[in-house]
Amino acid sequence: MTACTHESESLYNPVWTEYTTKHALSLRKLVSEHGVQVRKLPDDVVAAMGKAGAEVIDELRQDDDALVKKIVESFVSYRDLVGGYMVHADNGQMNARAAVMGY
């Protein structure tokens, strides 16, 4: 393992934890002190975002630059790989953490 990789890995958990904690505290404050209502994006909005994203990917796939095509295919391949994993790993873990445990 290179020093750079090790250093990056050693920062991941502290940075992620700080990021998540500060966002959670900020959200709590927005809701409790400022009356902000948190809502899920409507399914049709998420679908429209997906459609717009697909149009961008399609445009990039038609680009004349071979490097652009290589990058977009790498992105799509990685997204598909990780997306199939996330529903079982991180999303499952986060859903369990979000459950009210009653203690």
Protein backbone atom coordinates (compact mmCIF):
# COMPACT_ATOMS: atom_id res chain seq x y z
CA MET A 1 0.00 0.00 0.00
CA THR A 2 1.37 3.41 -0.92
CA ALA A 3 1.62 6.21 1.60
CA CYS A 4 -0.86 8.25 -0.37
CA THR A 5 -3.45 5.48 -0.34
CA HIS A 6 -2.92 4.85 3.35
CA GLU A 7 -3.25 8.53 4.19
CA SER A 8 -6.42 8.83 2.14
CA GLU A 9 -7.90 5.79 3.80
CA SER A 10 -6.95 7.04 7.24
CA LEU A 11 -8.92 10.26 6.62
CA TYR A 12 -12.03 8.63 5.20
CA ASN A 13 -13.80 7.71 8.44
CA PRO A 14 -13.11 10.95 10.35
CA VAL A 15 -14.15 13.11 7.40
CA TRP A 16 -17.25 11.03 6.64
CA THR A 17 -18.25 11.01 10.33
CA GLU A 18 -17.81 14.78 10.68
CA TYR A 19 -19.71 15.41 7.45
CA THR A 20 -22.60 13.16 8.44
CA THR A 21 -22.79 14.44 12.03
CA LYS A 22 -22.79 18.11 11.06
CA HIS A 23 -25.44 17.53 8.42
CA ALA A 24 -27.62 15.63 10.91
CA LEU A 25 -27.27 18.40 13.50
CA SER A 26 -28.03 21.07 10.91
CA LEU A 27 -31.12 19.21 9.72
CA ARG A 28 -32.36 18.82 13.29
CA LYS A 29 -31.92 22.57 13.83
CA LEU A 30 -33.65 23.48 10.57
CA VAL A 31 -36.64 21.33 11.50
CA SER A 32 -36.91 22.21 15.20
CA GLU A 33 -35.98 25.89 15.14
CA HIS A 34 -37.02 27.01 11.67
CA GLY A 35 -40.00 24.80 10.88
CA VAL A 36 -38.45 23.25 7.79
CA GLN A 37 -40.40 20.30 6.46
CA VAL A 38 -38.31 17.46 5.03
CA ARG A 39 -39.98 15.64 2.21
CA LYS A 40 -39.04 12.87 -0.20
CA LEU A 41 -38.74 13.97 -3.80
CA PRO A 42 -41.81 12.85 -5.74
CA ASP A 43 -41.26 9.75 -7.85
CA ASP A 44 -42.05 11.67 -11.05
CA VAL A 45 -39.32 14.21 -10.24
CA VAL A 46 -36.80 11.42 -9.60
CA ALA A 47 -37.86 9.79 -12.88
CA ALA A 48 -37.43 13.11 -14.73
CA MET A 49 -33.96 13.51 -13.21
CA GLY A 50 -33.09 10.01 -14.38
CA LYS A 51 -34.37 10.77 -17.87
CA ALA A 52 -32.32 13.99 -18.02
CA GLY A 53 -29.25 12.09 -16.82
CA ALA A 54 -29.78 9.44 -19.48
CA GLU A 55 -29.92 12.18 -22.13
CA VAL A 56 -26.59 13.59 -20.93
CA ILE A 57 -25.00 10.14 -20.94
CA ASP A 58 -26.33 9.53 -24.45
CA GLU A 59 -24.86 12.83 -25.66
CA LEU A 60 -21.50 12.00 -24.10
CA ARG A 61 -21.53 8.55 -25.70
CA GLN A 62 -21.89 10.25 -29.09
CA ASP A 63 -19.00 12.65 -28.49
CA ASP A 64 -16.22 12.62 -31.09
CA ASP A 65 -13.53 12.48 -28.41
CA ALA A 66 -12.51 8.88 -27.63
CA LEU A 67 -11.40 9.89 -24.13
CA VAL A 68 -14.86 11.31 -23.35
CA LYS A 69 -16.43 8.04 -24.49
CA LYS A 70 -13.99 6.01 -22.41
CA ILE A 71 -14.70 8.11 -19.31
CA VAL A 72 -18.48 7.93 -19.66
CA GLU A 73 -18.39 4.15 -20.17
CA SER A 74 -16.15 3.81 -17.12
CA PHE A 75 -18.59 5.93 -15.11
CA VAL A 76 -21.63 3.92 -16.23
CA SER A 77 -19.89 0.62 -15.57
CA TYR A 78 -18.85 1.72 -12.09
CA ARG A 79 -22.29 3.16 -11.30
CA ASP A 80 -23.95 -0.11 -12.28
CA LEU A 81 -21.48 -2.18 -10.28
CA VAL A 82 -21.75 -0.07 -7.13
CA GLY A 83 -25.50 0.46 -7.51
CA GLY A 84 -26.11 -3.27 -7.38
CA TYR A 85 -23.97 -3.53 -4.26
CA MET A 86 -25.28 -0.49 -2.38
CA VAL A 87 -28.81 -1.83 -1.89
CA HIS A 88 -27.33 -4.66 0.16
CA ALA A 89 -24.41 -2.90 1.83
CA ASP A 90 -24.56 0.80 2.64
CA ASN A 91 -28.28 1.30 2.05
CA GLY A 92 -29.14 -1.74 4.14
CA GLN A 93 -26.86 -0.57 6.92
CA MET A 94 -28.22 2.98 6.81
CA ASN A 95 -31.83 1.76 6.82
CA ALA A 96 -31.06 -0.34 9.91
CA ARG A 97 -29.35 2.62 11.60
CA ALA A 98 -32.29 4.90 10.80
CA ALA A 99 -34.79 2.53 12.44
CA VAL A 100 -36.04 3.59 15.85
CA MET A 101 -34.69 0.95 18.19
CA GLY A 102 -36.74 1.89 21.25
CA TYR A 103 -33.88 2.21 23.72
